[in-house]
């Protein structure tokens, strides 16, 4: 199977996924193998929602739509054109996936297969329904994928490289356990936003999507703001108010109530609007329903701080702050060239 065959297969998967949108499900009879898989995916979506309360229909469909948008022949060819695939000798690559948001491990899955390797997937128990079903679709539209994709719930065996995602604590275990294998070991990361007092209402509304999408559970969710010393949060609170219905969702509301009680009993100073608490804190990882903030004196000093802490940060959302910044509202729509932990997964796979 050559590279173009693999690209074509994933582009067909993108076409299949494009039928499942936040606005509704609309069947397209021209999609390959639809009779076999269309109703089946609807069932898997139902199972995923029932199994994990954080996987709401909106969040699952948002993830699916994001992937359908990037899985086109044009996008995949543009992504892969910068690499040399002729050097690959197929190896078995294990992936240990997280389960914090729907299909969170899909980019690693795509990277391993598009590079020409075989994949051995150990999924999180929180997200175990969608990816195996999509893998079966790939095997139908490109039969040469059969035998190259395996899923396991047992101890990983017979692999030559590994990509593992977990917390800082599990990363230490992974680093020891896989010390004799080529590996990418991912740790905790969070995203931040830098505000300047000059943001428009539209920019702040877009930022609210970076904060609340997936309930803030992803590493690309903004969990902390850096604001000038004289910053007034009124405009920010007005702009994010469109997300206020989130407090009607039980799991989020339970976290909001619990964290609010903790802050009040501890007599912490905070601001809150009925569905979001803002607390001054030097940490990057904030609890659900809480956003941390920290003041900065100058742009240059903040740039130095974020450079020092780069291993803790996935995205920096800002406007005219740095060359690597991400625009407001764009953190949850990564392109194929945007890698977790800023480690080029494809380059790693082509060198093992």
Protein backbone atom coordinates (compact mmCIF):
# COMPACT_ATOMS: atom_id res chain seq x y z
CA UNK A 1 0.00 0.00 0.00
CA UNK A 2 1.53 3.30 -1.03
CA UNK A 3 1.15 6.72 0.58
CA UNK A 4 -1.56 7.90 -1.81
CA UNK A 5 -3.70 4.87 -0.98
CA UNK A 6 -3.44 5.72 2.71
CA UNK A 7 -4.28 9.36 2.03
CA UNK A 8 -7.29 8.38 -0.06
CA UNK A 9 -8.59 6.09 2.70
CA UNK A 10 -8.46 8.81 5.36
CA UNK A 11 -10.04 11.31 2.95
CA UNK A 12 -12.93 8.85 2.49
CA UNK A 13 -13.21 8.63 6.27
CA UNK A 14 -13.44 12.42 6.36
CA UNK A 15 -16.30 12.30 3.86
CA UNK A 16 -18.07 9.70 5.99
CA UNK A 17 -17.68 11.79 9.15
CA UNK A 18 -18.95 14.93 7.39
CA UNK A 19 -22.49 13.53 7.65
CA UNK A 20 -22.46 13.96 11.44
CA UNK A 21 -22.69 17.63 12.33
CA UNK A 22 -23.64 19.63 15.42
CA UNK A 23 -26.57 21.00 13.41
CA UNK A 24 -27.82 17.46 12.78
CA UNK A 25 -27.14 14.16 11.03
CA UNK A 26 -27.69 14.15 7.27
CA UNK A 27 -27.08 11.02 5.23
CA UNK A 28 -25.22 11.37 1.94
CA UNK A 29 -25.90 8.36 -0.30
CA UNK A 30 -22.73 8.99 -2.32
CA UNK A 31 -20.47 8.21 0.67
CA UNK A 32 -18.64 4.91 0.26
CA UNK A 33 -19.83 2.01 2.49
CA UNK A 34 -22.58 4.14 4.01
CA UNK A 35 -25.07 1.27 4.09
CA UNK A 36 -22.67 -0.71 6.26
CA UNK A 37 -21.56 2.05 8.64
CA UNK A 38 -23.99 4.99 8.82
CA UNK A 39 -26.43 3.49 11.32
CA UNK A 40 -23.58 1.78 13.10
CA UNK A 41 -21.85 5.06 13.90
CA UNK A 42 -25.11 6.50 15.22
CA UNK A 43 -25.22 3.54 17.63
CA UNK A 44 -21.58 4.05 18.68
CA UNK A 45 -22.30 7.72 19.36
CA UNK A 46 -25.15 6.68 21.64
CA UNK A 47 -22.90 4.23 23.50
CA UNK A 48 -20.17 6.85 23.91
CA UNK A 49 -22.63 9.34 25.41
CA UNK A 50 -24.09 6.76 27.80
CA UNK A 51 -20.65 5.56 28.92
CA UNK A 52 -19.11 8.97 29.62
CA UNK A 53 -21.21 11.86 30.92
CA UNK A 54 -18.68 14.41 29.67
CA UNK A 55 -19.16 13.17 26.09
CA UNK A 56 -22.30 15.10 25.26
CA UNK A 57 -23.77 15.01 21.77
CA UNK A 58 -22.51 18.55 21.10
CA UNK A 59 -18.97 17.73 22.17
CA UNK A 60 -18.80 14.48 20.20
CA UNK A 61 -20.21 16.13 17.07
CA UNK A 62 -17.81 19.06 17.45
CA UNK A 63 -14.88 16.65 17.53
CA UNK A 64 -16.18 14.70 14.53
CA UNK A 65 -16.78 17.88 12.55
CA UNK A 66 -13.26 19.12 13.34
CA UNK A 67 -11.78 15.90 11.98
CA UNK A 68 -14.02 15.81 8.92
CA UNK A 69 -12.85 19.33 8.06
CA UNK A 70 -9.14 18.41 8.05
CA UNK A 71 -9.40 14.90 6.58
CA UNK A 72 -9.39 15.89 2.92
CA UNK A 73 -7.01 14.83 0.16
CA UNK A 74 -5.75 18.41 -0.14
CA UNK A 75 -5.04 18.83 3.57
CA UNK A 76 -3.36 15.45 4.03
CA UNK A 77 -1.20 15.84 0.92
CA UNK A 78 -0.12 19.31 2.09
CA UNK A 79 0.72 17.90 5.54
CA UNK A 80 2.68 14.90 4.28
CA UNK A 81 4.48 16.69 1.44
CA UNK A 82 7.20 17.96 3.79
CA UNK A 83 8.37 14.48 4.78
CA UNK A 84 10.21 11.59 3.13
CA UNK A 85 8.11 8.43 3.41
CA UNK A 86 10.45 6.30 1.32
CA UNK A 87 12.66 5.52 4.33
CA UNK A 88 9.95 3.74 6.35
CA UNK A 89 10.31 0.09 7.24
CA UNK A 90 6.97 -0.85 8.82
CA UNK A 91 7.17 -1.35 12.58
CA UNK A 92 4.60 -1.99 15.29
CA UNK A 93 3.90 1.27 17.10
CA UNK A 94 1.91 1.22 20.34
CA UNK A 95 -0.28 4.16 21.33
CA UNK A 96 -1.52 4.64 24.89
CA UNK A 97 -4.39 7.10 24.60
CA UNK A 98 -5.99 9.55 26.98
CA UNK A 99 -9.77 9.78 27.25
CA UNK A 100 -10.46 13.35 28.34
CA UNK A 101 -12.21 14.46 25.12
CA UNK A 102 -13.78 12.50 22.24
CA UNK A 103 -11.24 11.01 19.78
CA UNK A 104 -8.38 12.74 21.59
CA UNK A 105 -5.88 10.15 20.34
CA UNK A 106 -6.93 10.27 16.70
CA UNK A 107 -3.99 12.39 15.48
CA UNK A 108 -1.51 9.81 16.80
CA UNK A 109 -3.56 7.01 15.20
CA UNK A 110 -3.60 8.87 11.88
CA UNK A 111 0.13 9.67 12.06
CA UNK A 112 1.17 6.06 12.67
CA UNK A 113 -0.92 4.69 9.81
CA UNK A 114 -0.19 7.47 7.32
CA UNK A 115 3.54 6.94 7.93
CA UNK A 116 3.22 3.28 6.88
CA UNK A 117 3.61 1.64 10.28
CA UNK A 118 1.28 -0.78 12.06
CA UNK A 119 -0.63 0.49 15.08
CA UNK A 120 -1.39 -1.18 18.42
CA UNK A 121 -3.87 0.91 20.39
CA UNK A 122 -4.53 0.81 24.11
CA UNK A 123 -7.51 3.10 24.66
CA UNK A 124 -8.70 4.86 27.77
CA UNK A 125 -11.79 3.23 29.25
CA UNK A 126 -13.44 6.68 28.99
CA UNK A 127 -13.29 6.75 25.20
CA UNK A 128 -13.49 3.22 23.82
CA UNK A 129 -16.34 3.15 21.30
CA UNK A 130 -15.64 5.55 18.45
CA UNK A 131 -12.11 4.82 17.24
CA UNK A 132 -12.44 1.02 16.78
CA UNK A 133 -15.53 1.63 14.66
CA UNK A 134 -13.73 4.19 12.49
CA UNK A 135 -10.84 1.75 12.12
CA UNK A 136 -13.25 -0.82 10.67
CA UNK A 137 -14.41 1.77 8.17
CA UNK A 138 -10.81 2.32 7.07
CA UNK A 139 -10.35 -1.43 6.59
CA UNK A 140 -13.38 -1.57 4.32
CA UNK A 141 -12.45 1.39 2.12
CA UNK A 142 -8.80 0.28 2.01
CA UNK A 143 -8.52 -3.50 2.58
CA UNK A 144 -4.73 -3.30 2.85
CA UNK A 145 -5.21 -1.72 6.30
CA UNK A 146 -6.43 -5.11 7.53
CA UNK A 147 -3.84 -6.60 9.86
CA UNK A 148 -2.20 -3.21 10.41
CA UNK A 149 -4.62 -2.02 13.13
CA UNK A 150 -5.03 -3.74 16.48
CA UNK A 151 -6.72 -2.74 19.74
CA UNK A 152 -5.96 -4.30 23.11
CA UNK A 153 -7.08 -4.00 26.72
CA UNK A 154 -4.24 -6.24 27.88
CA UNK A 155 -0.58 -5.55 28.59
CA UNK A 156 1.15 -4.19 25.51
CA UNK A 157 3.30 -6.74 23.70
CA UNK A 158 5.19 -7.04 20.42
CA UNK A 159 5.80 -3.38 19.66
CA UNK A 160 8.92 -1.47 18.67
CA UNK A 161 8.03 2.13 19.53
CA UNK A 162 5.43 3.85 21.68
CA UNK A 163 3.46 7.08 21.97
CA UNK A 164 1.98 7.45 25.45
CA UNK A 165 -0.19 10.22 26.84
CA UNK A 166 -0.89 10.67 30.53
CA UNK A 167 -0.38 12.83 33.58
CA UNK A 168 2.95 13.98 35.00
CA UNK A 169 2.80 11.02 37.40
CA UNK A 170 2.06 8.38 34.76
CA UNK A 171 4.72 9.92 32.51
CA UNK A 172 7.39 8.97 35.04
CA UNK A 173 6.14 5.40 34.92
CA UNK A 174 6.03 5.45 31.12
CA UNK A 175 9.57 6.83 30.90
CA UNK A 176 10.88 4.02 33.08
CA UNK A 177 8.81 1.25 31.51
CA UNK A 178 9.58 2.24 27.92
CA UNK A 179 13.17 3.36 28.47
CA UNK A 180 14.47 0.83 25.93
CA UNK A 181 12.01 1.82 23.17
CA UNK A 182 11.85 4.88 20.90
CA UNK A 183 9.07 6.91 22.48
CA UNK A 184 7.08 10.09 22.76
CA UNK A 185 5.88 10.52 26.35
CA UNK A 186 3.33 13.28 26.89
CA UNK A 187 2.68 14.97 30.24
CA UNK A 188 0.19 17.48 31.61
CA UNK A 189 -0.13 20.63 29.55
CA UNK A 190 -2.51 23.56 29.66
CA UNK A 191 -3.27 26.52 27.45
CA UNK A 192 -3.23 30.19 28.37
CA UNK A 193 -4.57 33.44 26.96
CA UNK A 194 -2.82 36.80 27.08
CA UNK A 195 -5.17 39.79 27.30
CA UNK A 196 -4.16 43.42 26.80
CA UNK A 197 -7.30 45.46 27.57
CA UNK A 198 -7.72 46.10 23.83
CA UNK A 199 -9.67 42.97 22.87
CA UNK A 200 -12.94 43.39 21.02
CA UNK A 201 -16.16 41.83 22.22
CA UNK A 202 -15.92 39.39 19.30
CA UNK A 203 -12.43 38.28 20.35
CA UNK A 204 -13.53 37.73 23.94
CA UNK A 205 -16.59 35.78 22.79
CA UNK A 206 -14.30 33.61 20.68
CA UNK A 207 -12.04 33.11 23.70
CA UNK A 208 -15.02 31.75 25.64
CA UNK A 209 -15.11 28.82 23.19
CA UNK A 210 -11.45 28.11 23.97
CA UNK A 211 -12.36 28.03 27.66
CA UNK A 212 -15.64 26.12 27.79
CA UNK A 213 -15.55 23.68 24.84
CA UNK A 214 -15.28 20.10 26.17
CA UNK A 215 -15.91 21.61 29.64
CA UNK A 216 -12.29 22.74 29.71
CA UNK A 217 -11.00 19.15 29.89
CA UNK A 218 -8.55 19.31 26.96
CA UNK A 219 -4.93 20.45 26.95
CA UNK A 220 -5.90 23.00 24.29
CA UNK A 221 -8.54 24.55 26.55
CA UNK A 222 -7.55 27.88 28.06
CA UNK A 223 -7.26 27.37 31.80
CA UNK A 224 -5.44 30.59 32.71
CA UNK A 225 -5.45 34.25 31.73
CA UNK A 226 -2.56 36.68 31.89
CA UNK A 227 -3.92 40.20 32.29
CA UNK A 228 -2.46 43.70 32.82
CA UNK A 229 -2.31 44.98 36.39
CA UNK A 230 -5.26 47.32 35.82
CA UNK A 231 -7.46 44.79 34.04
CA UNK A 232 -11.22 45.04 34.53
CA UNK A 233 -13.07 41.74 34.05
CA UNK A 234 -16.47 43.28 33.27
CA UNK A 235 -16.08 43.09 29.48
CA UNK A 236 -14.77 39.53 29.78
CA UNK A 237 -17.74 38.39 31.88
CA UNK A 238 -20.19 40.02 29.45
CA UNK A 239 -18.56 38.30 26.49
CA UNK A 240 -18.50 34.80 27.97
CA UNK A 241 -22.11 34.96 29.17
CA UNK A 242 -23.30 33.11 26.07
CA UNK A 243 -21.99 29.94 27.74
CA UNK A 244 -24.21 30.35 30.83
CA UNK A 245 -26.46 27.35 29.92
CA UNK A 246 -23.51 25.10 30.79
CA UNK A 247 -24.45 25.40 34.47
CA UNK A 248 -27.61 23.39 33.71
CA UNK A 249 -25.50 20.33 32.91
CA UNK A 250 -25.24 18.17 36.02
CA UNK A 251 -21.58 17.11 35.96
CA UNK A 252 -20.38 20.65 35.33
CA UNK A 253 -22.74 22.09 37.97
CA UNK A 254 -21.52 19.58 40.55
CA UNK A 255 -17.93 20.63 39.95
CA UNK A 256 -18.88 24.31 40.10
CA UNK A 257 -20.68 23.88 43.43
CA UNK A 258 -17.88 21.79 44.94
CA UNK A 259 -15.06 24.11 43.92
CA UNK A 260 -17.00 27.19 44.97
CA UNK A 261 -17.57 25.66 48.41
CA UNK A 262 -13.85 24.90 48.74
CA UNK A 263 -12.87 28.45 47.79
CA UNK A 264 -15.41 30.00 50.16
CA UNK A 265 -14.39 27.81 53.10
CA UNK A 266 -10.74 28.59 52.40
CA UNK A 267 -11.63 32.30 52.17
CA UNK A 268 -9.98 32.68 48.78
CA UNK A 269 -10.68 35.87 46.85
CA UNK A 270 -12.44 35.17 43.58
CA UNK A 271 -14.81 36.59 41.01
CA UNK A 272 -17.79 34.58 39.75
CA UNK A 273 -20.83 34.98 37.55
CA UNK A 274 -22.97 31.96 38.38
CA UNK A 275 -21.23 29.50 36.06
CA UNK A 276 -17.53 30.44 36.11
CA UNK A 277 -15.13 31.37 38.91
CA UNK A 278 -11.98 33.42 38.31
CA UNK A 279 -9.22 33.12 40.87
CA UNK A 280 -5.73 34.63 41.02
CA UNK A 281 -3.28 31.73 41.07
CA UNK A 282 0.24 31.00 39.76
CA UNK A 283 -0.71 27.48 38.63
CA UNK A 284 -1.58 26.66 35.02
CA UNK A 285 -4.05 23.83 35.61
CA UNK A 286 -7.36 25.10 36.97
CA UNK A 287 -10.26 22.92 38.17
CA UNK A 288 -13.44 22.55 36.12
CA UNK A 289 -15.59 25.71 36.24
CA UNK A 290 -12.59 27.74 37.39
CA UNK A 291 -10.25 29.99 35.41
CA UNK A 292 -6.98 31.12 36.96
CA UNK A 293 -5.43 34.50 36.23
CA UNK A 294 -2.15 36.26 36.85
CA UNK A 295 -1.11 39.89 36.34
CA UNK A 296 1.84 40.89 34.20
CA UNK A 297 3.82 44.13 34.14
CA UNK A 298 5.23 44.07 30.62
CA UNK A 299 4.93 42.03 27.45
CA UNK A 300 8.64 41.24 27.41
CA UNK A 301 8.67 39.88 30.98
CA UNK A 302 5.63 37.72 30.23
CA UNK A 303 7.23 36.39 27.05
CA UNK A 304 10.28 35.38 29.11
CA UNK A 305 8.10 33.66 31.71
CA UNK A 306 6.16 31.67 29.11
CA UNK A 307 9.40 30.69 27.39
CA UNK A 308 10.71 29.30 30.69
CA UNK A 309 7.43 27.43 31.27
CA UNK A 310 7.03 26.22 27.66
CA UNK A 311 6.98 22.55 28.71
CA UNK A 312 3.81 23.24 30.70
CA UNK A 313 1.97 25.06 27.92
CA UNK A 314 0.20 23.71 24.84
CA UNK A 315 -1.28 26.88 23.31
CA UNK A 316 -0.86 30.61 23.85
CA UNK A 317 -3.96 32.48 22.70
CA UNK A 318 -3.32 36.14 22.01
CA UNK A 319 -3.30 38.97 19.49
CA UNK A 320 0.10 40.38 18.42
CA UNK A 321 1.90 38.84 21.38
CA UNK A 322 4.18 36.20 19.81
CA UNK A 323 4.94 34.46 16.51
CA UNK A 324 3.53 31.16 17.76
CA UNK A 325 0.27 32.49 19.19
CA UNK A 326 -3.13 31.08 18.27
CA UNK A 327 -6.03 33.37 17.41
CA UNK A 328 -8.95 33.69 19.80
CA UNK A 329 -11.46 30.89 19.30
CA UNK A 330 -9.13 28.61 17.32
CA UNK A 331 -7.62 26.27 19.94
CA UNK A 332 -10.15 23.49 19.38
CA UNK A 333 -9.70 23.43 15.61
CA UNK A 334 -6.07 22.29 15.25
CA UNK A 335 -4.62 21.61 11.84
CA UNK A 336 -2.72 18.43 10.98
CA UNK A 337 0.58 20.28 11.42
CA UNK A 338 -0.20 21.20 15.05
CA UNK A 339 1.26 18.46 17.24
CA UNK A 340 0.57 17.71 20.90
CA UNK A 341 3.37 18.99 23.15
CA UNK A 342 4.81 20.61 20.00
CA UNK A 343 6.63 17.34 19.21
CA UNK A 344 6.56 16.45 15.51
CA UNK A 345 4.96 13.00 15.66
CA UNK A 346 5.39 12.28 11.97
CA UNK A 347 9.09 13.14 12.02
CA UNK A 348 9.53 10.79 15.00
CA UNK A 349 7.70 7.96 13.21
CA UNK A 350 9.74 8.34 10.04
CA UNK A 351 13.01 7.95 11.95
CA UNK A 352 12.34 4.93 14.16
